[in-house]
Amino acid sequence: MNNASIFNDVIGPIMRGPSSSHTAASWRVGKMAVQMLNEPLASAIIEFDKDGAWTTNYREQGTVLGMDGGLLEIDMADDAMKESERIAKERNIHISYKIGSFENNHANSMQLYLTGISGKKVKILAASLGGGSFEIQKIDGFKVNMKGDFYDYLIWSKSDIIKDVQELLPANAEISISENSGAYLLSINSSTPIDNRIMLSIERFSEVEKVSIVVPIMPIISGKETKLPFTDISSLIAYSQLHEKSLGELGLLYEKCRSGLEEQELLIKMEQIIEIIEGSLAIGLAGTTHKDRILQQQSNLVKKAEKAGKILQNSIINTIVQNVAAIMEAKSALEVVVANPTAGSCGTVGAAIAAVAENVEANRKDVIMAYFAAGIVGAYFAMGPGFSAEEHGCQVECGASAGMAAAGIVELFGGTAEQGLGAASMAIQNMIGLICDPIADRVEAPCLGKNTSAAVNALSSATMAVSGFNHLIPLDQVLETVQRVSLQMPSCNKCTGLGGLAITPAALALKQKLEELQNSELQ
């Protein structure tokens, strides 16, 4: 398993919609799947397992929005994403959704049946892993492992030709083979494009039935990694002390080794992401509207209350509350946001770092390094429990974002790497066991309050860590605890809409009201 990438798996994707698991991962799966047809799409059927987590909320949480956009190859940042269903009709592409039963190993599994304009077909099994990460697990019944971070070449063959194909491939290409009912699928992944002449030679083999080329869709292409000078959290701390490196500097070094890219390129990438986060904050503060949501603009209320003398004056807490609400409101209005590390928790890190950076008068480089500090904490979280609320509850969304933000704030305070990890440990400790129970299946409430609590928790944890408080439990053991606790949580409290606040009379009444509104608009 590759180390998690800060840009692939933690701070990103750049997206629209309420949920990174539903919207961003589905967009990515659709974007990859349609490439496998090798011809324009005519129709698609998307199936969810009746025992999975998405049967109750796939439309409300943006799976349709994301999948339609991916299949139509609309860029996530394009406003056309908001009109994907209309665009599909205009192109005469029929996309439908159903609940069924199929073999799978993840709560967020989906099965795609695609048909091209000449009748070509492909069947794909995929899973959304949380935070927009995904895995394509089967193609036409053949086992594969595709995550969008390589150039992937798929070869359907009547016989096992792996040795013949391997002789033609460059050294950096890896090949695997899967057998199903006497037929074979060869899967080649490469960090760079394979020469077209090689692929044409392979396509001419008499045993080959078809070939598909799937280009990477992730920001960082795998296969270019270099060796990290630390292997785990304890060796990271030792390295930081020996070389006097801050956690942000180590985050930058981590991603340099993970990506194979130079530091300057990574700094530019992070700057671009921060600009999008700050843009979503500005959009939220300016005011957003959207019919299909339960909370309209509230971020403007903080300044009004402060001016009226109703709340604390000139408090950083006020700024954090306002910032969280603004980013969450932008997300709920389908504006472009950054999953950080998920869409459901996208308000925490951006809101907290912006507020603290303003308070301490940080320069731009300081802010960038704060995000790299947050990113490396998120990378270890990704390699631990991951970010899927359907598997672990909100402790891996707002819990993860609290730990990331705490580490980023320590970086802005000028604290050490050990203090940053200690702050992350304390912040996550405070969120262990947090359930995921979106009201009316919209990722708005209690998500807004949880993001706000996570951001304030991050500030207090960073303050404690830099002041010298003892976090007691090392971060790696805290992450292990998150996984252990998730096994003890009932599935109804893991983003299914079947537990917690989601089944209160008030929540059910809101859901019914929204459904009636949708039905009236369709008539």
Protein backbone atom coordinates (compact mmCIF):
# COMPACT_ATOMS: atom_id res chain seq x y z
CA MET A 1 0.00 0.00 0.00
CA ASN A 2 1.30 3.45 -0.93
CA ASN A 3 1.49 6.11 1.75
CA ALA A 4 -1.56 8.36 1.64
CA SER A 5 -1.07 11.53 -0.37
CA ILE A 6 -1.95 14.87 1.22
CA PHE A 7 -3.34 16.10 -2.12
CA ASN A 8 -5.02 12.85 -3.23
CA ASP A 9 -6.44 11.66 0.06
CA VAL A 10 -6.59 14.48 2.62
CA ILE A 11 -6.86 18.10 1.44
CA GLY A 12 -9.05 17.56 -1.59
CA PRO A 13 -10.81 16.84 -3.81
CA ILE A 14 -11.94 20.16 -5.19
CA MET A 15 -15.65 19.52 -5.54
CA ARG A 16 -19.27 20.58 -5.36
CA GLY A 17 -22.06 19.01 -3.41
CA PRO A 18 -22.90 17.95 0.08
CA SER A 19 -20.76 14.84 0.55
CA SER A 20 -17.30 13.84 -0.64
CA SER A 21 -18.11 10.15 -0.18
CA HIS A 22 -21.27 10.47 -2.24
CA THR A 23 -20.55 13.28 -4.68
CA ALA A 24 -16.78 13.40 -5.27
CA ALA A 25 -16.13 9.66 -5.17
CA SER A 26 -19.09 8.97 -7.47
CA TRP A 27 -17.86 11.63 -9.89
CA ARG A 28 -14.42 10.01 -9.93
CA VAL A 29 -15.83 6.51 -10.44
CA GLY A 30 -18.08 7.73 -13.26
CA LYS A 31 -15.23 9.66 -14.89
CA MET A 32 -13.03 6.54 -14.91
CA ALA A 33 -15.79 4.12 -15.86
CA VAL A 34 -16.87 5.95 -19.00
CA GLN A 35 -13.29 5.77 -20.32
CA MET A 36 -13.52 1.98 -20.33
CA LEU A 37 -16.19 1.98 -23.05
CA ASN A 38 -13.92 3.48 -25.73
CA GLU A 39 -17.00 5.09 -27.29
CA PRO A 40 -19.62 7.70 -26.33
CA LEU A 41 -22.00 6.69 -23.54
CA ALA A 42 -25.61 5.86 -24.45
CA SER A 43 -26.97 4.64 -21.12
CA ALA A 44 -25.97 3.79 -17.58
CA ILE A 45 -27.63 1.97 -14.71
CA ILE A 46 -26.18 2.61 -11.25
CA GLU A 47 -27.07 0.04 -8.59
CA PHE A 48 -26.72 0.26 -4.80
CA ASP A 49 -26.89 -2.78 -2.56
CA LYS A 50 -30.05 -3.01 -0.45
CA ASP A 51 -27.94 -3.71 2.64
CA GLY A 52 -25.50 -0.84 2.04
CA ALA A 53 -25.43 2.62 3.58
CA TRP A 54 -26.56 4.58 0.54
CA THR A 55 -30.02 3.11 -0.07
CA THR A 56 -31.75 5.76 2.07
CA ASN A 57 -29.89 8.88 0.98
CA TYR A 58 -27.98 8.50 -2.31
CA ARG A 59 -29.97 11.24 -4.06
CA GLU A 60 -30.14 13.68 -1.14
CA GLN A 61 -26.42 13.46 -0.40
CA GLY A 62 -25.33 14.09 -3.97
CA THR A 63 -24.49 10.69 -5.44
CA VAL A 64 -26.67 11.38 -8.48
CA LEU A 65 -25.13 14.83 -8.91
CA GLY A 66 -21.59 13.41 -8.79
CA MET A 67 -22.16 10.26 -10.84
CA ASP A 68 -24.05 12.08 -13.58
CA GLY A 69 -21.30 14.70 -13.79
CA GLY A 70 -18.56 12.08 -13.98
CA LEU A 71 -20.32 10.02 -16.64
CA LEU A 72 -20.95 13.18 -18.67
CA GLU A 73 -17.28 14.19 -18.15
CA ILE A 74 -18.20 17.58 -16.71
CA ASP A 75 -15.44 19.15 -14.64
CA MET A 76 -16.30 19.46 -10.93
CA ALA A 77 -15.54 23.19 -10.94
CA ASP A 78 -17.84 23.79 -13.92
CA ASP A 79 -21.23 25.36 -13.07
CA ALA A 80 -22.73 22.82 -15.50
CA MET A 81 -22.40 20.27 -12.66
CA LYS A 82 -25.52 21.83 -11.15
CA GLU A 83 -27.43 20.96 -14.33
CA SER A 84 -26.08 17.46 -14.95
CA GLU A 85 -29.49 15.76 -15.11
CA ARG A 86 -30.73 18.29 -17.68
CA ILE A 87 -27.52 17.94 -19.73
CA ALA A 88 -27.88 14.15 -19.81
CA LYS A 89 -31.36 14.54 -21.30
CA GLU A 90 -30.11 17.02 -23.88
CA ARG A 91 -27.39 14.56 -24.96
CA ASN A 92 -29.93 11.73 -25.05
CA ILE A 93 -27.97 9.78 -22.42
CA HIS A 94 -30.19 7.77 -20.10
CA ILE A 95 -28.83 7.42 -16.54
CA SER A 96 -30.94 5.56 -13.97
CA TYR A 97 -30.50 4.40 -10.38
CA LYS A 98 -31.83 1.36 -8.57
CA ILE A 99 -31.55 -0.62 -5.37
CA GLY A 100 -30.56 -4.27 -5.81
CA SER A 101 -28.42 -7.01 -4.34
CA PHE A 102 -24.86 -7.86 -5.32
CA GLU A 103 -21.70 -9.20 -3.74
CA ASN A 104 -19.56 -6.44 -2.20
CA ASN A 105 -17.30 -5.71 0.78
CA HIS A 106 -18.01 -2.07 1.62
CA ALA A 107 -20.99 -0.10 2.92
CA ASN A 108 -20.51 2.44 0.11
CA SER A 109 -20.47 0.03 -2.82
CA MET A 110 -21.93 0.78 -6.24
CA GLN A 111 -22.30 -1.28 -9.40
CA LEU A 112 -22.32 0.40 -12.81
CA TYR A 113 -23.71 -1.04 -16.04
CA LEU A 114 -22.63 1.14 -18.98
CA THR A 115 -23.65 0.81 -22.63
CA GLY A 116 -22.05 2.72 -25.51
CA ILE A 117 -23.69 4.04 -28.67
CA SER A 118 -22.67 0.96 -30.69
CA GLY A 119 -23.75 -1.46 -27.97
CA LYS A 120 -20.41 -1.98 -26.19
CA LYS A 121 -20.92 -2.79 -22.52
CA VAL A 122 -18.91 -2.73 -19.31
CA LYS A 123 -19.87 -3.67 -15.76
CA ILE A 124 -17.98 -2.11 -12.86
CA LEU A 125 -17.98 -2.67 -9.10
CA ALA A 126 -16.59 0.21 -7.05
CA ALA A 127 -16.52 1.45 -3.47
CA SER A 128 -16.33 4.95 -2.02
CA LEU A 129 -13.73 4.88 0.77
CA GLY A 130 -14.38 8.27 2.37
CA GLY A 131 -13.27 11.82 1.67
CA GLY A 132 -13.61 11.30 -2.09
CA SER A 133 -11.21 8.34 -2.21
CA PHE A 134 -12.49 5.31 -4.09
CA GLU A 135 -11.52 1.94 -5.47
CA ILE A 136 -12.67 0.18 -8.62
CA GLN A 137 -12.68 -3.46 -7.54
CA LYS A 138 -14.12 -5.43 -10.46
CA ILE A 139 -14.54 -4.91 -14.19
CA ASP A 140 -16.81 -7.39 -16.00
CA GLY A 141 -16.34 -9.75 -13.05
CA PHE A 142 -12.52 -9.55 -13.15
CA LYS A 143 -10.79 -8.42 -9.95
CA VAL A 144 -8.83 -5.17 -10.23
CA ASN A 145 -7.56 -2.46 -7.89
CA MET A 146 -7.78 0.97 -9.51
CA LYS A 147 -7.79 4.25 -7.58
CA GLY A 148 -7.26 6.79 -10.33
CA ASP A 149 -3.61 7.52 -9.53
CA PHE A 150 -1.98 5.66 -12.44
CA TYR A 151 -2.29 5.41 -16.19
CA ASP A 152 -4.31 2.20 -16.41
CA TYR A 153 -4.36 -0.05 -19.48
CA LEU A 154 -6.99 -2.80 -19.57
CA ILE A 155 -6.66 -5.76 -21.95
CA TRP A 156 -9.49 -8.29 -22.33
CA SER A 157 -8.03 -11.56 -23.62
CA LYS A 158 -9.19 -15.08 -24.50
CA SER A 159 -6.08 -16.59 -22.91
CA ASP A 160 -3.25 -15.85 -20.48
CA ILE A 161 -0.84 -13.66 -22.45
CA ILE A 162 0.79 -11.92 -19.49
CA LYS A 163 4.33 -13.06 -20.38
CA ASP A 164 4.03 -11.91 -23.98
CA VAL A 165 2.66 -8.53 -22.94
CA GLN A 166 5.20 -8.05 -20.17
CA GLU A 167 8.08 -8.38 -22.64
CA LEU A 168 6.83 -5.27 -24.46
CA LEU A 169 6.31 -3.05 -21.43
CA PRO A 170 8.71 -0.42 -20.04
CA ALA A 171 10.34 -1.10 -16.68
CA ASN A 172 8.09 1.26 -14.71
CA ALA A 173 4.87 -0.51 -15.78
CA GLU A 174 3.33 -3.13 -13.50
CA ILE A 175 1.00 -5.80 -14.81
CA SER A 176 -1.49 -8.13 -13.12
CA ILE A 177 -4.00 -10.62 -14.49
CA SER A 178 -7.44 -11.78 -13.38
CA GLU A 179 -9.29 -14.85 -14.63
CA ASN A 180 -13.07 -15.21 -14.83
CA SER A 181 -14.90 -18.13 -16.46
CA GLY A 182 -11.99 -18.97 -18.73
CA ALA A 183 -11.42 -15.41 -19.90
CA TYR A 184 -8.74 -12.96 -18.74
CA LEU A 185 -8.30 -9.29 -17.97
CA LEU A 186 -4.77 -7.90 -17.90
CA SER A 187 -4.38 -4.66 -15.95
CA ILE A 188 -1.30 -2.51 -16.50
CA ASN A 189 -0.56 0.55 -14.40
CA SER A 190 2.18 3.04 -15.12
CA SER A 191 3.29 6.38 -13.69
CA THR A 192 3.81 7.67 -17.25
CA PRO A 193 1.91 7.06 -20.52
CA ILE A 194 2.93 3.92 -22.39
CA ASP A 195 4.04 4.46 -25.98
CA ASN A 196 1.07 4.12 -28.38
CA ARG A 197 3.12 1.82 -30.61
CA ILE A 198 3.45 -0.69 -27.77
CA MET A 199 -0.29 -0.64 -27.11
CA LEU A 200 -1.05 -1.04 -30.83
CA SER A 201 1.24 -4.09 -30.92
CA ILE A 202 -0.59 -5.61 -27.96
CA GLU A 203 -3.98 -4.83 -29.51
CA ARG A 204 -2.98 -6.84 -32.60
CA PHE A 205 -2.51 -10.05 -30.58
CA SER A 206 -5.05 -12.58 -31.87
CA GLU A 207 -6.10 -13.41 -28.31
CA VAL A 208 -6.95 -9.77 -27.45
CA GLU A 209 -10.64 -8.85 -27.65
CA LYS A 210 -10.44 -5.18 -26.66
CA VAL A 211 -8.21 -2.62 -24.98
CA SER A 212 -9.15 0.41 -22.87
CA ILE A 213 -6.93 3.25 -21.67
CA VAL A 214 -7.88 5.08 -18.47
CA VAL A 215 -5.93 8.24 -17.67
CA PRO A 216 -5.25 9.33 -14.06
CA ILE A 217 -7.84 11.58 -12.44
CA MET A 218 -6.05 12.19 -9.13
CA PRO A 219 -3.83 15.26 -8.52
CA ILE A 220 -0.78 13.13 -7.64
CA ILE A 221 0.26 10.25 -9.88
CA SER A 222 1.70 7.29 -7.98
CA GLY A 223 4.83 5.37 -8.85
CA LYS A 224 7.28 8.24 -8.43
CA GLU A 225 7.80 7.91 -4.69
CA THR A 226 11.14 8.28 -2.94
CA LYS A 227 12.03 6.93 0.47
CA LEU A 228 10.78 8.82 3.53
CA PRO A 229 13.32 9.50 6.30
CA PHE A 230 10.71 8.45 8.89
CA THR A 231 8.31 5.52 8.90
CA ASP A 232 5.78 6.25 11.63
CA ILE A 233 4.72 8.94 14.10
CA SER A 234 7.38 8.18 16.71
CA SER A 235 10.21 8.23 14.15
CA LEU A 236 8.74 11.43 12.69
CA ILE A 237 9.06 13.09 16.11
CA ALA A 238 12.63 11.86 16.48
CA TYR A 239 13.49 13.16 13.00
CA SER A 240 11.92 16.55 13.75
CA GLN A 241 13.97 16.90 16.94
CA LEU A 242 17.21 15.84 15.29
CA HIS A 243 16.78 18.16 12.29
CA GLU A 244 14.80 20.92 14.03
CA LYS A 245 11.92 20.67 11.57
CA SER A 246 8.40 21.92 12.21
CA LEU A 247 5.40 19.73 11.45
CA GLY A 248 4.60 21.84 8.39
CA GLU A 249 8.11 21.33 7.05
CA LEU A 250 7.73 17.60 7.63
CA GLY A 251 4.38 17.62 5.86
CA LEU A 252 6.01 19.24 2.85
CA LEU A 253 8.87 16.71 2.97
CA TYR A 254 6.36 13.86 3.30
CA GLU A 255 4.45 14.95 0.19
CA LYS A 256 7.68 15.53 -1.72
CA CYS A 257 8.69 11.91 -1.07
CA ARG A 258 5.16 10.64 -1.76
CA SER A 259 4.71 12.53 -5.03
CA GLY A 260 8.21 12.74 -6.47
CA LEU A 261 7.55 16.44 -7.12
CA GLU A 262 9.80 19.34 -6.16
CA GLU A 263 9.01 21.51 -3.15
CA GLN A 264 8.20 24.59 -5.22
CA GLU A 265 5.59 22.74 -7.25
CA LEU A 266 3.99 21.41 -4.07
CA LEU A 267 3.93 24.88 -2.50
CA ILE A 268 2.15 26.19 -5.60
CA LYS A 269 -0.37 23.33 -5.46
CA MET A 270 -1.16 24.07 -1.83
CA GLU A 271 -1.44 27.79 -2.53
CA GLN A 272 -4.01 27.05 -5.25
CA ILE A 273 -6.05 24.88 -2.89
CA ILE A 274 -5.94 27.53 -0.14
CA GLU A 275 -7.22 30.10 -2.64
CA ILE A 276 -10.23 27.86 -3.35
CA ILE A 277 -10.88 27.38 0.39
CA GLU A 278 -10.67 31.11 0.98
CA GLY A 279 -12.87 31.65 -2.07
CA SER A 280 -15.58 29.41 -0.64
CA LEU A 281 -15.31 31.34 2.64
CA ALA A 282 -15.80 34.63 0.78
CA ILE A 283 -18.74 33.23 -1.22
CA GLY A 284 -20.40 32.05 1.96
CA LEU A 285 -19.93 35.40 3.69
CA ALA A 286 -21.36 37.20 0.65
CA GLY A 287 -24.52 35.11 0.94
CA THR A 288 -25.76 31.97 -0.79
CA THR A 289 -29.16 30.54 -1.63
CA HIS A 290 -30.26 27.05 -2.65
CA LYS A 291 -33.73 25.52 -2.65
CA ASP A 292 -32.84 22.04 -1.50
CA ARG A 293 -31.37 22.80 1.89
CA ILE A 294 -32.66 23.18 5.43
CA LEU A 295 -30.44 26.06 6.58
CA GLN A 296 -30.23 29.27 4.60
CA GLN A 297 -27.58 31.91 5.29
CA GLN A 298 -26.68 32.32 8.97
CA SER A 299 -22.99 33.25 8.80
CA ASN A 300 -23.91 36.93 8.62
CA LEU A 301 -25.65 36.79 11.99
CA VAL A 302 -22.42 36.70 14.00
CA LYS A 303 -21.27 40.19 12.96
CA LYS A 304 -24.76 41.55 13.57
CA ALA A 305 -24.85 40.10 17.07
CA GLU A 306 -21.36 41.41 17.82
CA LYS A 307 -22.22 44.91 16.63
CA ALA A 308 -25.36 44.83 18.76
CA GLY A 309 -23.29 43.93 21.82
CA LYS A 310 -25.12 40.64 22.32
CA ILE A 311 -22.01 38.42 22.26
CA LEU A 312 -18.30 38.67 23.07
CA GLN A 313 -16.53 41.58 21.42
CA ASN A 314 -13.57 41.07 19.04
CA SER A 315 -13.42 37.38 19.91
CA ILE A 316 -11.61 34.87 17.71
CA ILE A 317 -14.41 32.44 18.59
CA ASN A 318 -16.85 34.72 16.78
CA THR A 319 -14.64 34.66 13.69
CA ILE A 320 -14.36 30.87 13.79
CA VAL A 321 -18.14 30.42 14.10
CA GLN A 322 -18.73 32.83 11.22
CA ASN A 323 -16.07 31.20 9.01
CA VAL A 324 -17.32 27.65 9.58
CA ALA A 325 -20.87 28.64 8.73
CA ALA A 326 -19.77 30.50 5.59
CA ILE A 327 -17.82 27.54 4.16
CA MET A 328 -20.60 25.09 5.02
CA GLU A 329 -23.17 27.38 3.40
CA ALA A 330 -21.10 27.56 0.22
CA LYS A 331 -20.94 23.77 0.16
CA SER A 332 -24.70 23.40 0.68
CA ALA A 333 -25.33 25.83 -2.20
CA LEU A 334 -23.27 23.54 -4.51
CA GLU A 335 -20.48 26.08 -4.83
CA VAL A 336 -16.90 24.88 -5.32
CA VAL A 337 -15.27 23.79 -2.05
CA VAL A 338 -12.36 21.63 -0.93
CA ALA A 339 -13.05 18.41 0.98
CA ASN A 340 -10.80 18.97 3.96
CA PRO A 341 -10.62 16.06 4.63
CA THR A 342 -14.30 15.50 3.70
CA ALA A 343 -17.10 17.70 2.42
CA GLY A 344 -19.07 17.04 5.59
CA SER A 345 -16.19 18.45 7.64
CA CYS A 346 -14.93 21.00 5.11
CA GLY A 347 -15.66 23.98 7.38
CA THR A 348 -13.30 23.14 10.22
CA VAL A 349 -9.72 23.46 8.96
CA GLY A 350 -10.28 26.39 6.63
CA ALA A 351 -12.28 28.34 9.19
CA ALA A 352 -9.88 27.79 12.08
CA ILE A 353 -6.67 28.44 10.14
CA ALA A 354 -8.10 31.61 8.55
CA ALA A 355 -9.19 32.97 11.92
CA VAL A 356 -5.92 32.21 13.70
CA ALA A 357 -3.78 33.41 10.77
CA GLU A 358 -5.58 36.74 10.89
CA ASN A 359 -5.18 36.96 14.65
CA VAL A 360 -1.42 36.26 14.67
CA GLU A 361 -0.84 38.23 11.43
CA ALA A 362 0.68 35.21 9.68
CA ASN A 363 2.24 35.65 6.25
CA ARG A 364 1.31 33.51 3.25
CA LYS A 365 4.17 31.04 3.67
CA ASP A 366 3.10 30.51 7.30
CA VAL A 367 -0.43 29.66 6.17
CA ILE A 368 0.82 27.25 3.51
CA MET A 369 2.99 25.45 6.08
CA ALA A 370 0.03 25.29 8.47
CA TYR A 371 -1.88 23.38 5.80
CA PHE A 372 1.04 20.99 5.30
CA ALA A 373 1.06 20.40 9.08
CA ALA A 374 -2.67 19.68 8.93
CA GLY A 375 -2.09 17.51 5.87
CA ILE A 376 0.41 15.13 7.41
CA VAL A 377 -1.89 14.53 10.39
CA GLY A 378 -4.63 13.79 7.87
CA ALA A 379 -2.33 11.42 5.99
CA TYR A 380 -1.81 9.30 9.11
CA PHE A 381 -5.56 9.40 9.72
CA ALA A 382 -6.16 8.25 6.13
CA MET A 383 -3.77 5.32 6.65
CA GLY A 384 -5.57 4.47 9.91
CA PRO A 385 -9.34 4.54 10.08
CA GLY A 386 -9.81 6.63 6.94
CA PHE A 387 -12.60 9.15 6.44
CA SER A 388 -15.71 7.09 5.75
CA ALA A 389 -18.56 8.05 8.09
CA GLU A 390 -20.49 5.03 6.83
CA GLU A 391 -17.79 2.87 8.40
CA HIS A 392 -16.81 4.90 11.47
CA GLY A 393 -19.26 7.74 12.11
CA CYS A 394 -18.46 11.44 12.30
CA GLN A 395 -15.42 10.81 14.50
CA VAL A 396 -13.51 10.30 11.23
CA GLU A 397 -14.91 13.46 9.63
CA CYS A 398 -15.14 16.23 12.21
CA GLY A 399 -12.79 14.26 14.46
CA ALA A 400 -10.14 14.11 11.76
CA SER A 401 -10.63 17.76 10.79
CA ALA A 402 -10.28 18.82 14.43
CA GLY A 403 -6.92 17.05 14.69
CA MET A 404 -5.75 18.50 11.38
CA ALA A 405 -6.79 22.03 12.33
CA ALA A 406 -5.12 21.72 15.74
CA ALA A 407 -1.83 20.78 14.10
CA GLY A 408 -2.17 23.67 11.64
CA ILE A 409 -2.80 26.15 14.46
CA VAL A 410 0.28 24.93 16.36
CA GLU A 411 2.28 25.60 13.20
CA LEU A 412 0.91 29.17 13.10
CA PHE A 413 1.82 29.55 16.79
CA GLY A 414 5.41 28.54 15.96
CA GLY A 415 5.16 25.32 17.96
CA THR A 416 7.18 22.15 17.49
CA ALA A 417 6.23 19.07 15.51
CA GLU A 418 5.74 17.16 18.76
CA GLN A 419 3.37 19.86 20.01
CA GLY A 420 1.46 19.76 16.72
CA LEU A 421 0.96 16.01 16.98
CA GLY A 422 0.06 16.37 20.65
CA ALA A 423 -2.57 18.97 19.80
CA ALA A 424 -3.96 16.66 17.10
CA SER A 425 -4.09 13.82 19.61
CA MET A 426 -6.03 15.91 22.15
CA ALA A 427 -8.44 17.27 19.56
CA ILE A 428 -9.25 13.80 18.19
CA GLN A 429 -9.55 12.36 21.70
CA ASN A 430 -12.34 14.88 22.29
CA MET A 431 -14.29 13.62 19.25
CA ILE A 432 -14.03 9.84 19.69
CA GLY A 433 -17.42 8.17 19.40
CA LEU A 434 -19.05 11.05 17.51
CA ILE A 435 -21.94 9.68 15.45
CA CYS A 436 -23.02 10.76 11.96
CA ASP A 437 -26.74 11.57 11.85
CA PRO A 438 -27.53 14.21 9.19
CA ILE A 439 -31.01 15.67 9.57
CA ALA A 440 -33.26 15.07 6.55
CA ASP A 441 -30.30 13.40 4.81
CA ARG A 442 -28.76 16.81 4.07
CA VAL A 443 -25.18 17.38 5.19
CA GLU A 444 -26.06 20.59 7.03
CA ALA A 445 -27.22 19.85 10.56
CA PRO A 446 -25.96 18.80 13.03
CA CYS A 447 -22.92 18.98 10.73
CA LEU A 448 -22.65 22.78 11.10
CA GLY A 449 -22.51 22.54 14.90
CA LYS A 450 -20.06 19.65 14.78
CA ASN A 451 -17.74 21.54 12.42
CA THR A 452 -17.90 24.56 14.71
CA SER A 453 -17.18 22.46 17.79
CA ALA A 454 -14.30 20.78 15.95
CA ALA A 455 -12.76 24.14 15.02
CA VAL A 456 -13.02 25.57 18.55
CA ASN A 457 -11.75 22.24 19.90
CA ALA A 458 -8.76 22.59 17.56
CA LEU A 459 -7.96 26.05 18.91
CA SER A 460 -8.20 24.96 22.54
CA SER A 461 -6.15 21.80 21.90
CA ALA A 462 -3.42 23.80 20.12
CA THR A 463 -3.40 26.32 22.96
CA MET A 464 -3.01 23.53 25.51
CA ALA A 465 -0.28 21.76 23.55
CA VAL A 466 1.87 24.86 23.01
CA SER A 467 1.34 25.84 26.66
CA GLY A 468 2.82 22.50 27.70
CA PHE A 469 -0.26 20.41 28.55
CA ASN A 470 0.28 16.64 28.37
CA HIS A 471 -1.75 14.85 25.69
CA LEU A 472 -1.02 11.49 27.42
CA ILE A 473 -2.06 9.19 24.54
CA PRO A 474 0.18 9.18 21.42
CA LEU A 475 -1.58 10.02 18.17
CA ASP A 476 -1.11 6.56 16.67
CA GLN A 477 -2.85 4.98 19.67
CA VAL A 478 -5.67 7.52 19.40
CA LEU A 479 -6.19 6.53 15.75
CA GLU A 480 -6.27 2.86 16.73
CA THR A 481 -8.91 3.72 19.32
CA VAL A 482 -11.07 5.44 16.70
CA GLN A 483 -11.11 2.22 14.69
CA ARG A 484 -11.88 0.11 17.74
CA VAL A 485 -14.74 2.35 18.85
CA SER A 486 -16.26 2.33 15.37
CA LEU A 487 -16.72 -1.44 15.63
CA GLN A 488 -18.85 -0.85 18.72
CA MET A 489 -21.09 1.74 17.05
CA PRO A 490 -24.40 0.58 15.55
CA SER A 491 -24.66 1.08 11.79
CA CYS A 492 -27.76 3.26 12.21
CA ASN A 493 -25.47 5.97 13.61
CA LYS A 494 -23.11 5.89 10.63
CA CYS A 495 -24.60 8.25 8.03
CA THR A 496 -27.64 6.12 7.16
CA GLY A 497 -30.32 8.55 8.31
CA LEU A 498 -31.69 5.78 10.52
CA GLY A 499 -30.40 6.87 13.94
CA GLY A 500 -29.53 9.78 16.21
CA LEU A 501 -31.11 13.16 15.50
CA ALA A 502 -32.14 11.99 12.03
CA ILE A 503 -35.11 10.04 13.43
CA THR A 504 -36.46 12.68 15.80
CA PRO A 505 -40.03 13.88 15.01
CA ALA A 506 -38.70 17.31 14.02
CA ALA A 507 -36.13 15.83 11.62
CA LEU A 508 -38.67 13.50 10.03
CA ALA A 509 -41.06 16.41 9.57
CA LEU A 510 -38.32 18.42 7.82
CA LYS A 511 -37.51 15.51 5.56
CA GLN A 512 -41.16 15.09 4.60
CA LYS A 513 -41.45 18.82 3.88
CA LEU A 514 -38.42 18.72 1.56
CA GLU A 515 -39.75 15.63 -0.21
CA GLU A 516 -43.10 17.31 -0.79
CA LEU A 517 -41.32 20.37 -2.18
CA GLN A 518 -39.30 18.21 -4.57
CA ASN A 519 -42.38 16.30 -5.71
CA SER A 520 -44.31 19.53 -6.37
CA GLU A 521 -41.45 20.84 -8.54
CA LEU A 522 -41.39 17.63 -10.58
CA GLN A 523 -45.12 17.82 -11.33
